[in-house]
Amino acid sequence: MVEPKDAARNLGELASHELQAVMETNARLFSAAIDQARMLQTYWVGLTRYILDFMSPSFSALEPFSAVENQRLKERPPWENLRDYLALLEFNLRLGEKGLAGGLKAMNDFHAHQLRQAANAWLNTVQHRRGEDIADFMAKQARLMELVVYDYPQAIRNIEPEYGFHFDDGRYRQVAETARFYLYQILPREKGVRVRKNGKPIVIVPPYVLGANILSFLPDEGKSYAHCFANQGIPTYIRIVKDIYANPAVQVMTGEDDCLDTKLFLEEVKARHGRPVTLSGYCQGGFTAVVNYLSGELDGLVDALITSVAPMDGTRSKGLQDFLNLVPDRFYEVVFAIKTLPNGNRVVNGKLLSWVFKLKSLEKDNPLTAFFRDLKLFERDLKINKTAAAINYWLLYDQTDLPFEVCKMSYDSYTIPVTQDGTLPVTLFGRTLNFKRIKEKGIKWLICIAEKDDLVEKESTLAPLDWVDAEVTVFPKGHVAIATSWSLPTTECSLDRCFLDYRGPVRYQLDLEAEGDAARKTPPRKTSKDGTSAPGGADASKGKRTS
C-alpha cells in the first residue's frame, strides 16, 4: 500500500515532469517560429533576386529596341504598328504562360515535399517522438535559405581562381598572336606526362558566346575538356579571342579575319610538330572550324575535325524554330541585340543572345524553377559543391559580346537552311561553302552530340551526315556535359576511352596519331613489272580502335 506522502511525491514529480515537457515543447515551438520568420524573409529576398537576375538582359535590350522602334514608328502607318505590337503582346503572354506554368510546378513540387517533412516534424514534437522535431526542421530550412541566397553567390565568386583558364599561372605557353587572337599551348597537369614533340597536334576553337573557360572547367579537379587532351601527352593548343572591349580589331572582325588568323596558327602548329593538325570546335566554335575548313584556306594544314554539340544547320533545331516562329516578323532581327560602343563600332550583346535560348525553354529555364532547383540541390547536406559553383560562374560572368559580322554568320545558319546539295547559307572570301568538300578531301570527322541537349539539338549537329561520312559519338546528359562531367577521366563516358559503341574525342585523337605513326613506319611498297603491288607499297594500314 502506497503511503499518502509517497503518492503526493509521485504526483508532484509527474506534474513537474509534464510541466517541464510542456515548457520544452513551447521553447522548441518558439524557436521554430523565430526560424520560420527568418526563413520567410530570406525566401522572398532570394526569389526577388532570382527574378531580377533573370530579367537583367532584357533591360540592356531596351536601348537598342527603343532606338530602332522610334524610327520605325514614324515610318510605318498606325494600323501596322498596332498590329505588330499586338502580336508582340501575344508573344509575351505566351512566354509568360510557359514560364509561370513551369515555375509553379517547381514551386508546388518543392513545397509539397517540404510540407510532408514539416508534418512529420510537427508530430515528432507534439508526441515527443524520436527524430527531427519542428524546431530542428525550421532551423534547417532557415539555414538552407541563407545558404542559397547569401552563401551560394559568394561561393560562385570565390570559385574564380579554380575555374577556367589562367594563362598567367605558368602552365601555358603563348605560341602566336594576331590583332584578334592569342594561340596558347596547354601543358599537361598530370605528373610525369610530357608532350610528345612528334605527336599529332590539336587546335581547339572555343565558342564566342559561351567563352573559352567552359573548356577548362575545373582543371585541378580533373574536369577540363582541353586538359583531357594535354594530359595524354597530345600537343594541345587553344585559340583565345582577345578582349572585345579593348581591341577594336576584334569588334570589326569578319569571318574572313577569323579564318586567316586560324590559318596562321595552324601553320605555326604544323611547323612545330611536323604533322597535319586536328581542328576541334565546341558548340559555335565547331561551326566556325568547319566553315573555315570549307573555305579552302586550310588545305594541307588540317586532316581531321572534331566537333562537339556544334550547330551545323540551326534550322533543324525544332525547339528553337518553334520558338522563333512565334516571334513577329518585325522583331525577328539581330539588329535588336546590337550595342554601339563609345568608338562607334557595333557589337552584338552576348548576354541577350544567351537569354534568347533561355526563353526558348522557359518552362525549365525560368527564375522560379532555378530558385527551387538550387534549394533542392543543397537540401540534403547543406553543402555547396565546386561543380555547381563553377557552372553558375560560367552562366553569370563568362559571356561576352560578339563581333557583328561573326554573329551574322551564326544568325544566318539558324534562319536559312543548308540547301539540298549541301551548300551552307554563308560564304567566305566570296566562295560558296559545301559540306561535300570534306568528303572530297578525305577529311576524317568525329561529331560528338549530347543525348539530352536542348540547346543545340542533335538534328542540327548531325545535319552534315546527309552529305558526309563521319563518325558519331553520343554522350549522355546535356549541352555542357562533354566539357564538365565526361572530361573527368574516371567517369564511365570519359573522353579518353571507348564506351558502348563510341569513341571519346581524346581516344579518337590518340587513334589518329597511332594510325599516322603506323603509316610512317610502313616501308614503301614496290610495284612489280606486271603492275601488282609488292610489300612496301603506298597503302597505309588503318589503325584499330582501342580502348
Protein backbone atom coordinates (compact mmCIF):
# COMPACT_ATOMS: atom_id res chain seq x y z
CA MET A 1 0.00 0.00 0.00
CA VAL A 2 1.38 3.39 -1.02
CA GLU A 3 1.76 5.89 1.71
CA PRO A 4 -0.01 9.25 1.23
CA LYS A 5 3.32 11.06 1.37
CA ASP A 6 4.81 8.85 -1.37
CA ALA A 7 1.73 9.26 -3.52
CA ALA A 8 1.89 13.01 -3.20
CA ARG A 9 5.58 12.99 -4.04
CA ASN A 10 4.96 10.83 -7.12
CA LEU A 11 2.17 13.10 -8.29
CA GLY A 12 4.39 16.11 -7.77
CA GLU A 13 7.23 14.56 -9.74
CA LEU A 14 4.80 13.61 -12.51
CA ALA A 15 3.37 17.09 -12.65
CA SER A 16 6.85 18.58 -12.63
CA HIS A 17 7.90 16.29 -15.46
CA GLU A 18 4.85 17.14 -17.54
CA LEU A 19 5.34 20.83 -16.83
CA GLN A 20 8.96 20.58 -17.91
CA ALA A 21 7.92 18.73 -21.08
CA VAL A 22 5.35 21.42 -21.87
CA MET A 23 7.90 24.16 -21.29
CA GLU A 24 10.45 22.40 -23.51
CA THR A 25 7.83 21.94 -26.23
CA ASN A 26 6.86 25.60 -26.03
CA ALA A 27 10.51 26.59 -26.22
CA ARG A 28 11.00 24.44 -29.31
CA LEU A 29 7.89 25.91 -30.90
CA PHE A 30 9.08 29.43 -30.12
CA SER A 31 12.48 28.62 -31.63
CA ALA A 32 10.72 27.21 -34.70
CA ALA A 33 8.63 30.38 -35.05
CA ILE A 34 11.76 32.57 -34.96
CA ASP A 35 13.50 30.43 -37.59
CA GLN A 36 10.35 30.45 -39.72
CA ALA A 37 10.27 34.24 -39.72
CA ARG A 38 13.97 34.30 -40.63
CA MET A 39 13.42 31.75 -43.36
CA LEU A 40 10.47 33.61 -44.90
CA GLN A 41 12.39 36.88 -45.04
CA THR A 42 15.31 35.20 -46.80
CA TYR A 43 12.91 33.30 -49.06
CA TRP A 44 11.40 36.47 -50.52
CA VAL A 45 14.80 38.14 -50.86
CA GLY A 46 16.07 35.13 -52.81
CA LEU A 47 13.01 34.84 -55.01
CA THR A 48 13.18 38.53 -55.90
CA ARG A 49 16.89 38.30 -56.67
CA TYR A 50 16.45 35.31 -58.99
CA ILE A 51 13.72 37.14 -60.91
CA LEU A 52 15.79 40.32 -61.27
CA ASP A 53 18.91 38.38 -62.35
CA PHE A 54 16.87 36.57 -64.98
CA MET A 55 15.36 39.78 -66.32
CA SER A 56 18.58 41.84 -66.38
CA PRO A 57 19.48 41.02 -70.03
CA SER A 58 16.13 42.43 -71.12
CA PHE A 59 16.95 45.76 -69.51
CA SER A 60 20.08 46.10 -71.66
CA ALA A 61 17.94 45.40 -74.74
CA LEU A 62 15.65 48.37 -74.11
CA GLU A 63 18.07 50.94 -75.52
CA PRO A 64 18.59 49.36 -78.98
CA PHE A 65 14.91 48.40 -79.14
CA SER A 66 13.83 51.98 -78.43
CA ALA A 67 16.32 53.40 -80.92
CA VAL A 68 15.11 51.14 -83.74
CA GLU A 69 11.40 51.40 -82.97
CA ASN A 70 11.36 55.17 -82.50
CA GLN A 71 12.34 55.47 -86.15
CA ARG A 72 10.06 52.71 -87.40
CA LEU A 73 7.02 54.12 -85.64
CA LYS A 74 7.41 57.29 -87.72
CA GLU A 75 7.92 55.44 -90.99
CA ARG A 76 5.03 52.96 -90.79
CA PRO A 77 1.25 53.56 -90.72
CA PRO A 78 -0.51 53.43 -87.33
CA TRP A 79 -2.55 50.31 -88.12
CA GLU A 80 0.63 48.40 -88.99
CA ASN A 81 2.30 49.48 -85.75
CA LEU A 82 -0.78 48.46 -83.78
CA ARG A 83 -0.91 45.06 -85.47
CA ASP A 84 2.78 44.34 -84.80
CA TYR A 85 2.64 45.42 -81.17
CA LEU A 86 -0.46 43.35 -80.53
CA ALA A 87 1.41 40.37 -81.97
CA LEU A 88 4.34 41.19 -79.67
CA LEU A 89 1.97 41.34 -76.71
CA GLU A 90 0.54 37.94 -77.62
CA PHE A 91 4.08 36.55 -77.89
CA ASN A 92 4.98 37.89 -74.43
CA LEU A 93 1.80 36.48 -72.91
CA ARG A 94 2.57 33.04 -74.33
CA LEU A 95 6.09 33.20 -72.92
CA GLY A 96 4.73 34.33 -69.57
CA GLU A 97 2.26 31.46 -69.53
CA LYS A 98 5.00 28.90 -70.22
CA GLY A 99 7.33 30.37 -67.60
CA LEU A 100 4.63 30.67 -64.96
CA ALA A 101 3.38 27.12 -65.52
CA GLY A 102 6.89 25.71 -65.24
CA GLY A 103 7.71 27.85 -62.22
CA LEU A 104 4.51 26.97 -60.36
CA LYS A 105 5.14 23.27 -60.96
CA ALA A 106 8.64 23.58 -59.49
CA MET A 107 7.25 25.56 -56.53
CA ASN A 108 4.48 23.03 -55.92
CA ASP A 109 6.87 20.06 -56.07
CA PHE A 110 9.28 21.68 -53.62
CA HIS A 111 6.69 22.84 -51.11
CA ALA A 112 4.74 19.56 -51.23
CA HIS A 113 7.93 17.76 -50.31
CA GLN A 114 8.64 20.28 -47.54
CA LEU A 115 5.08 20.04 -46.21
CA ARG A 116 5.40 16.29 -45.73
CA GLN A 117 8.62 16.79 -43.80
CA ALA A 118 7.08 19.59 -41.72
CA ALA A 119 4.05 17.45 -40.81
CA ASN A 120 6.28 14.62 -39.68
CA ALA A 121 8.44 17.02 -37.65
CA TRP A 122 5.32 18.51 -36.02
CA LEU A 123 4.09 15.07 -34.95
CA ASN A 124 7.52 14.26 -33.55
CA THR A 125 7.30 17.45 -31.50
CA VAL A 126 3.81 17.14 -30.02
CA GLN A 127 4.03 13.39 -29.47
CA HIS A 128 7.61 13.56 -28.14
CA ARG A 129 8.78 11.03 -30.72
CA ARG A 130 12.36 10.48 -31.71
CA GLY A 131 13.59 12.12 -34.87
CA GLU A 132 13.67 15.63 -36.28
CA ASP A 133 11.26 17.93 -34.46
CA ILE A 134 9.72 21.14 -35.74
CA ALA A 135 12.48 23.33 -34.30
CA ASP A 136 15.21 21.29 -36.00
CA PHE A 137 13.21 21.30 -39.23
CA MET A 138 12.72 25.07 -39.28
CA ALA A 139 16.34 25.69 -38.30
CA LYS A 140 17.41 23.53 -41.25
CA GLN A 141 15.04 25.39 -43.59
CA ALA A 142 16.33 28.77 -42.44
CA ARG A 143 19.91 27.60 -42.97
CA LEU A 144 19.03 26.24 -46.43
CA MET A 145 17.54 29.59 -47.48
CA GLU A 146 20.57 31.52 -46.24
CA LEU A 147 22.89 29.07 -47.98
CA VAL A 148 21.19 29.55 -51.37
CA VAL A 149 20.50 33.29 -51.09
CA TYR A 150 23.68 34.54 -49.38
CA ASP A 151 26.40 31.86 -49.26
CA TYR A 152 25.91 30.46 -52.77
CA PRO A 153 26.53 33.76 -54.63
CA GLN A 154 29.70 34.24 -52.60
CA ALA A 155 30.84 30.67 -53.34
CA ILE A 156 30.27 31.33 -57.05
CA ARG A 157 32.51 34.40 -56.90
CA ASN A 158 35.13 32.52 -54.85
CA ILE A 159 35.45 29.71 -57.43
CA GLU A 160 37.02 32.08 -59.98
CA PRO A 161 40.70 31.20 -59.18
CA GLU A 162 39.98 27.50 -59.77
CA TYR A 163 37.66 27.85 -62.77
CA GLY A 164 38.71 28.27 -66.36
CA PHE A 165 41.98 29.26 -67.99
CA HIS A 166 44.51 31.40 -66.13
CA PHE A 167 47.16 31.97 -68.76
CA ASP A 168 49.43 33.80 -66.34
CA ASP A 169 49.92 30.88 -63.94
CA GLY A 170 52.87 29.34 -65.81
CA ARG A 171 51.00 26.28 -67.06
CA TYR A 172 50.52 27.60 -70.59
CA ARG A 173 52.75 28.92 -73.35
CA GLN A 174 51.80 31.72 -75.70
CA VAL A 175 52.81 30.49 -79.14
CA ALA A 176 51.44 33.10 -81.55
CA GLU A 177 49.32 36.23 -81.68
CA THR A 178 47.35 38.32 -84.14
CA ALA A 179 45.40 41.55 -83.70
CA ARG A 180 42.37 39.44 -82.77
CA PHE A 181 43.55 36.18 -81.15
CA TYR A 182 46.16 34.51 -78.99
CA LEU A 183 47.32 30.94 -79.51
CA TYR A 184 48.30 29.13 -76.32
CA GLN A 185 49.77 25.69 -75.81
CA ILE A 186 48.10 23.85 -72.93
CA LEU A 187 50.63 21.92 -70.84
CA PRO A 188 49.78 18.67 -69.02
CA ARG A 189 48.63 18.86 -65.39
CA GLU A 190 49.23 15.16 -64.72
CA LYS A 191 52.59 14.42 -63.10
CA GLY A 192 55.06 12.58 -65.29
CA VAL A 193 53.26 13.38 -68.55
CA ARG A 194 55.30 15.05 -71.26
CA VAL A 195 54.12 16.50 -74.54
CA ARG A 196 55.14 14.30 -77.48
CA LYS A 197 57.13 16.53 -79.78
CA ASN A 198 56.21 14.44 -82.81
CA GLY A 199 52.67 13.72 -81.63
CA LYS A 200 49.63 14.65 -83.67
CA PRO A 201 48.64 18.20 -82.61
CA ILE A 202 45.16 19.53 -81.99
CA VAL A 203 43.93 23.14 -82.07
CA ILE A 204 40.74 23.86 -80.13
CA VAL A 205 38.33 26.61 -81.21
CA PRO A 206 36.04 27.73 -78.34
CA PRO A 207 32.60 29.28 -78.84
CA TYR A 208 32.32 33.08 -78.92
CA VAL A 209 29.23 33.48 -76.72
CA LEU A 210 29.90 30.78 -74.14
CA GLY A 211 33.58 31.68 -73.91
CA ALA A 212 36.70 29.52 -73.67
CA ASN A 213 36.67 28.89 -69.91
CA ILE A 214 33.98 26.23 -70.11
CA LEU A 215 36.62 24.08 -71.84
CA SER A 216 38.85 24.37 -68.75
CA PHE A 217 36.06 23.88 -66.26
CA LEU A 218 37.92 22.79 -63.10
CA PRO A 219 41.34 21.62 -64.31
CA ASP A 220 42.73 20.89 -60.85
CA GLU A 221 39.69 18.67 -60.19
CA GLY A 222 40.35 16.76 -63.43
CA LYS A 223 37.35 18.29 -65.21
CA SER A 224 38.65 20.01 -68.33
CA TYR A 225 37.97 19.26 -71.99
CA ALA A 226 41.22 20.90 -73.11
CA HIS A 227 43.42 19.38 -70.40
CA CYS A 228 41.99 15.94 -71.12
CA PHE A 229 43.92 16.07 -74.41
CA ALA A 230 47.05 17.62 -72.89
CA ASN A 231 47.18 15.10 -70.03
CA GLN A 232 47.60 12.35 -72.64
CA GLY A 233 50.77 13.99 -73.98
CA ILE A 234 48.93 15.30 -77.06
CA PRO A 235 50.30 18.64 -78.33
CA THR A 236 47.25 20.71 -77.43
CA TYR A 237 46.60 24.32 -78.43
CA ILE A 238 43.67 26.66 -77.99
CA ARG A 239 42.70 29.81 -79.86
CA ILE A 240 41.64 32.60 -77.49
CA VAL A 241 39.85 35.71 -78.72
CA LYS A 242 41.15 38.97 -77.27
CA ASP A 243 39.05 41.27 -75.11
CA ILE A 244 36.45 42.72 -77.44
CA TYR A 245 36.18 45.97 -75.47
CA ALA A 246 39.92 46.70 -75.51
CA ASN A 247 40.64 45.63 -79.10
CA PRO A 248 38.88 47.42 -81.99
CA ALA A 249 40.19 44.75 -84.39
CA VAL A 250 38.00 42.20 -82.60
CA GLN A 251 34.97 44.49 -82.70
CA VAL A 252 35.06 44.74 -86.50
CA MET A 253 36.26 41.19 -87.16
CA THR A 254 34.77 39.32 -90.12
CA GLY A 255 34.55 35.62 -90.90
CA GLU A 256 37.48 36.06 -93.27
CA ASP A 257 39.61 37.55 -90.47
CA ASP A 258 38.73 34.59 -88.26
CA CYS A 259 39.73 32.15 -90.98
CA LEU A 260 43.04 33.80 -91.88
CA ASP A 261 44.12 34.07 -88.24
CA THR A 262 43.28 30.40 -87.76
CA LYS A 263 45.34 29.56 -90.84
CA LEU A 264 48.31 31.42 -89.40
CA PHE A 265 48.05 29.49 -86.14
CA LEU A 266 47.72 26.14 -87.91
CA GLU A 267 50.82 26.84 -89.97
CA GLU A 268 52.73 27.52 -86.77
CA VAL A 269 51.49 24.34 -85.07
CA LYS A 270 52.16 22.13 -88.10
CA ALA A 271 55.70 23.51 -88.38
CA ARG A 272 56.35 22.82 -84.69
CA HIS A 273 55.28 19.17 -84.85
CA GLY A 274 55.71 18.22 -88.50
CA ARG A 275 52.22 16.80 -88.83
CA PRO A 276 48.81 17.98 -90.06
CA VAL A 277 46.55 19.31 -87.33
CA THR A 278 43.22 18.14 -85.94
CA LEU A 279 40.87 21.10 -85.70
CA SER A 280 38.39 20.79 -82.83
CA GLY A 281 35.46 23.11 -82.13
CA TYR A 282 32.96 23.19 -79.30
CA CYS A 283 29.41 24.50 -79.87
CA GLN A 284 29.64 27.64 -82.03
CA GLY A 285 33.38 27.00 -82.27
CA GLY A 286 32.62 23.78 -84.13
CA PHE A 287 30.58 25.64 -86.73
CA THR A 288 33.40 28.18 -87.08
CA ALA A 289 36.02 25.46 -87.50
CA VAL A 290 34.05 23.65 -90.22
CA VAL A 291 33.23 26.86 -92.09
CA ASN A 292 36.91 27.84 -92.05
CA TYR A 293 37.92 24.48 -93.48
CA LEU A 294 35.26 24.58 -96.20
CA SER A 295 36.70 27.90 -97.42
CA GLY A 296 39.74 26.04 -98.79
CA GLU A 297 42.20 28.23 -96.87
CA LEU A 298 43.18 25.42 -94.51
CA ASP A 299 44.01 22.80 -97.15
CA GLY A 300 47.20 20.92 -96.33
CA LEU A 301 47.08 22.05 -92.70
CA VAL A 302 44.11 20.05 -91.37
CA ASP A 303 43.42 16.35 -91.90
CA ALA A 304 40.77 15.74 -89.22
CA LEU A 305 37.88 17.51 -87.50
CA ILE A 306 36.34 17.00 -84.07
CA THR A 307 33.16 18.94 -83.33
CA SER A 308 31.15 18.73 -80.12
CA VAL A 309 27.50 19.84 -79.79
CA ALA A 310 28.06 22.16 -82.76
CA PRO A 311 25.08 23.69 -84.64
CA MET A 312 25.69 22.89 -88.31
CA ASP A 313 22.20 23.73 -89.54
CA GLY A 314 20.32 25.70 -86.93
CA THR A 315 17.06 25.49 -88.83
CA ARG A 316 16.88 21.80 -87.87
CA SER A 317 16.67 22.67 -84.17
CA LYS A 318 12.95 22.15 -83.85
CA GLY A 319 12.61 23.68 -80.38
CA LEU A 320 14.33 26.88 -81.38
CA GLN A 321 12.49 27.12 -84.69
CA ASP A 322 9.14 26.64 -82.98
CA PHE A 323 10.09 29.47 -80.65
CA LEU A 324 11.31 31.77 -83.43
CA ASN A 325 8.15 31.14 -85.45
CA LEU A 326 6.19 32.78 -82.63
CA VAL A 327 8.26 35.98 -82.87
CA PRO A 328 6.51 38.62 -85.00
CA ASP A 329 8.42 39.21 -88.25
CA ARG A 330 9.04 42.84 -87.38
CA PHE A 331 11.06 41.89 -84.28
CA TYR A 332 12.84 38.90 -85.79
CA GLU A 333 16.13 40.68 -86.46
CA VAL A 334 19.61 40.66 -84.96
CA VAL A 335 19.58 44.48 -85.01
CA PHE A 336 17.71 44.47 -81.68
CA ALA A 337 20.75 42.91 -79.98
CA ILE A 338 23.27 45.48 -81.24
CA LYS A 339 25.30 47.65 -78.87
CA THR A 340 27.17 50.71 -80.08
CA LEU A 341 30.49 51.18 -78.31
CA PRO A 342 31.97 54.62 -77.46
CA ASN A 343 34.25 54.42 -80.54
CA GLY A 344 31.20 53.89 -82.79
CA ASN A 345 31.81 50.21 -83.54
CA ARG A 346 28.78 47.95 -83.30
CA VAL A 347 28.85 44.63 -81.44
CA VAL A 348 26.17 42.13 -80.50
CA ASN A 349 25.02 41.73 -76.91
CA GLY A 350 26.16 38.23 -75.94
CA LYS A 351 24.08 38.05 -72.76
CA LEU A 352 20.96 38.89 -74.71
CA LEU A 353 21.67 36.10 -77.21
CA SER A 354 22.09 33.62 -74.36
CA TRP A 355 18.85 34.90 -72.86
CA VAL A 356 17.02 34.08 -76.10
CA PHE A 357 17.95 30.41 -75.66
CA LYS A 358 16.58 30.55 -72.11
CA LEU A 359 13.31 31.98 -73.39
CA LYS A 360 13.08 29.07 -75.82
CA SER A 361 12.90 26.68 -72.86
CA LEU A 362 11.17 28.98 -70.43
CA GLU A 363 9.20 26.17 -68.84
CA LYS A 364 12.55 24.87 -67.49
CA ASP A 365 14.77 27.95 -67.51
CA ASN A 366 12.62 30.42 -65.61
CA PRO A 367 13.67 32.11 -62.33
CA LEU A 368 11.18 30.21 -60.15
CA THR A 369 12.39 26.86 -61.42
CA ALA A 370 16.03 27.91 -60.98
CA PHE A 371 15.42 29.03 -57.39
CA PHE A 372 13.70 25.85 -56.29
CA ARG A 373 16.16 23.70 -58.23
CA ASP A 374 19.01 25.24 -56.22
CA LEU A 375 17.12 24.71 -52.96
CA LYS A 376 16.67 21.02 -53.78
CA LEU A 377 20.32 20.75 -54.83
CA PHE A 378 21.64 21.69 -51.38
CA GLU A 379 18.78 20.44 -49.22
CA ARG A 380 20.29 17.10 -48.25
CA ASP A 381 23.72 18.01 -46.84
CA LEU A 382 23.64 21.86 -46.87
CA LYS A 383 26.97 21.96 -48.72
CA ILE A 384 27.95 23.80 -51.91
CA ASN A 385 29.97 21.69 -54.32
CA LYS A 386 32.53 23.18 -56.68
CA THR A 387 30.84 21.90 -59.82
CA ALA A 388 27.62 23.78 -59.08
CA ALA A 389 29.55 26.95 -58.24
CA ALA A 390 31.65 26.74 -61.42
CA ILE A 391 28.61 26.16 -63.65
CA ASN A 392 26.93 29.24 -62.24
CA TYR A 393 30.11 31.31 -62.52
CA TRP A 394 30.15 30.45 -66.21
CA LEU A 395 26.49 31.36 -66.62
CA LEU A 396 26.76 34.64 -64.71
CA TYR A 397 30.16 36.05 -65.59
CA ASP A 398 31.64 34.31 -68.61
CA GLN A 399 29.56 35.50 -71.53
CA THR A 400 30.79 38.31 -73.71
CA ASP A 401 29.70 40.38 -76.69
CA LEU A 402 30.35 39.32 -80.28
CA PRO A 403 31.61 40.99 -83.44
CA PHE A 404 28.61 41.82 -85.59
CA GLU A 405 29.84 40.05 -88.75
CA VAL A 406 30.71 36.86 -86.87
CA CYS A 407 27.31 36.85 -85.19
CA LYS A 408 25.61 37.44 -88.54
CA MET A 409 27.11 34.18 -89.85
CA SER A 410 25.65 32.23 -86.95
CA TYR A 411 22.34 34.07 -87.29
CA ASP A 412 22.14 33.13 -90.98
CA SER A 413 22.84 29.49 -90.14
CA TYR A 414 19.83 29.49 -87.80
CA THR A 415 17.47 31.23 -90.20
CA ILE A 416 18.47 29.86 -93.63
CA PRO A 417 18.70 26.08 -94.14
CA VAL A 418 21.53 24.23 -95.87
CA THR A 419 20.48 23.56 -99.46
CA GLN A 420 19.68 20.08 -100.77
CA ASP A 421 23.12 19.81 -102.37
CA GLY A 422 24.91 20.64 -99.08
CA THR A 423 25.63 24.34 -99.64
CA LEU A 424 25.74 26.44 -96.46
CA PRO A 425 23.91 29.79 -96.20
CA VAL A 426 27.19 31.65 -95.52
CA THR A 427 30.21 32.45 -97.68
CA LEU A 428 33.87 33.23 -97.07
CA PHE A 429 36.11 35.16 -99.46
CA GLY A 430 33.17 35.23 -101.87
CA ARG A 431 33.22 31.43 -102.12
CA THR A 432 30.27 29.12 -101.58
CA LEU A 433 30.79 26.54 -98.85
CA ASN A 434 29.59 22.96 -99.27
CA PHE A 435 29.79 20.04 -96.85
CA LYS A 436 30.69 17.68 -99.70
CA ARG A 437 34.16 19.21 -99.80
CA ILE A 438 35.07 17.38 -96.59
CA LYS A 439 34.33 14.03 -98.22
CA GLU A 440 36.13 15.01 -101.42
CA LYS A 441 39.26 15.89 -99.45
CA GLY A 442 39.14 12.71 -97.36
CA ILE A 443 38.98 14.60 -94.07
CA LYS A 444 38.15 12.43 -91.06
CA TRP A 445 35.45 13.84 -88.83
CA LEU A 446 34.17 12.92 -85.37
CA ILE A 447 30.83 14.50 -84.44
CA CYS A 448 30.00 14.41 -80.73
CA ILE A 449 26.43 15.03 -79.61
CA ALA A 450 24.70 15.15 -76.23
CA GLU A 451 21.72 12.86 -75.76
CA LYS A 452 19.65 15.40 -73.80
CA ASP A 453 20.90 18.59 -75.45
CA ASP A 454 18.04 21.07 -75.69
CA LEU A 455 20.33 23.98 -76.62
CA VAL A 456 21.80 22.51 -79.81
CA GLU A 457 19.53 19.65 -80.82
CA LYS A 458 21.04 16.55 -82.39
CA GLU A 459 19.23 17.14 -85.71
CA SER A 460 21.21 20.35 -86.09
CA THR A 461 24.51 18.79 -85.06
CA LEU A 462 24.13 15.76 -87.36
CA ALA A 463 22.98 17.69 -90.43
CA PRO A 464 26.29 17.13 -92.33
CA LEU A 465 25.66 13.37 -92.37
CA ASP A 466 23.36 13.93 -95.35
CA TRP A 467 26.48 14.65 -97.41
CA VAL A 468 29.49 13.47 -95.37
CA ASP A 469 30.63 10.18 -93.84
CA ALA A 470 31.51 10.97 -90.25
CA GLU A 471 31.85 9.04 -87.02
CA VAL A 472 29.27 9.94 -84.37
CA THR A 473 29.69 9.69 -80.60
CA VAL A 474 26.64 10.09 -78.35
CA PHE A 475 27.25 11.27 -74.79
CA PRO A 476 24.60 11.16 -72.04
CA LYS A 477 23.29 14.32 -70.37
CA GLY A 478 23.11 17.84 -71.76
CA HIS A 479 24.96 20.52 -73.71
CA VAL A 480 27.99 21.13 -71.47
CA ALA A 481 28.37 17.61 -70.05
CA ILE A 482 31.17 16.78 -72.53
CA ALA A 483 33.19 19.69 -71.14
CA THR A 484 32.30 19.04 -67.50
CA SER A 485 31.05 15.61 -66.38
CA TRP A 486 32.73 13.46 -69.03
CA SER A 487 36.07 15.28 -69.09
CA LEU A 488 36.85 13.58 -65.76
CA PRO A 489 38.95 10.50 -66.69
CA THR A 490 37.37 8.28 -64.02
CA THR A 491 33.83 8.56 -65.43
CA GLU A 492 32.16 5.83 -67.46
CA CYS A 493 31.98 8.05 -70.59
CA SER A 494 35.40 9.64 -70.27
CA LEU A 495 36.69 11.49 -73.31
CA ASP A 496 39.83 9.33 -73.47
CA ARG A 497 38.17 5.91 -73.72
CA CYS A 498 35.70 3.84 -75.69
CA PHE A 499 32.25 3.35 -74.21
CA LEU A 500 29.35 1.37 -75.62
CA ASP A 501 29.97 1.58 -79.40
CA TYR A 502 31.57 5.03 -79.28
CA ARG A 503 34.96 6.70 -79.05
CA GLY A 504 35.52 9.81 -76.99
CA PRO A 505 37.26 12.71 -78.78
CA VAL A 506 40.56 12.21 -76.93
CA ARG A 507 40.52 8.49 -77.75
CA TYR A 508 39.77 9.43 -81.36
CA GLN A 509 42.77 11.80 -81.45
CA LEU A 510 45.07 9.15 -79.94
CA ASP A 511 43.92 6.62 -82.53
CA LEU A 512 44.54 9.13 -85.33
CA GLU A 513 48.05 9.59 -84.00
CA ALA A 514 48.61 5.84 -83.86
CA GLU A 515 47.36 5.47 -87.44
CA GLY A 516 49.74 8.19 -88.59
CA ASP A 517 52.67 6.63 -86.74
CA ALA A 518 51.90 3.24 -88.30
CA ALA A 519 51.74 4.78 -91.76
CA ARG A 520 55.11 6.45 -91.25
CA LYS A 521 56.75 3.19 -90.19
CA THR A 522 55.29 1.18 -93.09
CA PRO A 523 58.04 0.80 -95.72
CA PRO A 524 57.22 1.99 -99.23
CA ARG A 525 55.67 -0.67 -101.45
CA LYS A 526 57.35 -1.53 -104.72
CA THR A 527 55.44 -2.17 -107.92
CA SER A 528 56.45 -5.27 -109.89
CA LYS A 529 56.75 -5.40 -113.62
CA ASP A 530 53.26 -6.86 -114.01
CA GLY A 531 51.79 -3.89 -112.12
CA THR A 532 50.91 -5.72 -108.87
CA SER A 533 51.95 -4.35 -105.50
CA ALA A 534 54.66 -5.99 -103.52
CA PRO A 535 55.28 -5.44 -99.76
CA GLY A 536 56.32 -1.89 -99.08
CA GLY A 537 53.70 -0.11 -101.22
CA ALA A 538 52.00 3.20 -100.54
CA ASP A 539 48.88 1.81 -98.84
CA ALA A 540 48.97 2.65 -95.15
CA SER A 541 47.22 0.21 -92.87
CA LYS A 542 44.45 1.65 -90.80
CA GLY A 543 44.91 1.67 -87.06
CA LYS A 544 42.39 -0.24 -84.98
CA ARG A 545 40.20 1.40 -82.43
CA THR A 546 41.41 0.57 -78.97
CA SER A 547 40.08 1.30 -75.55
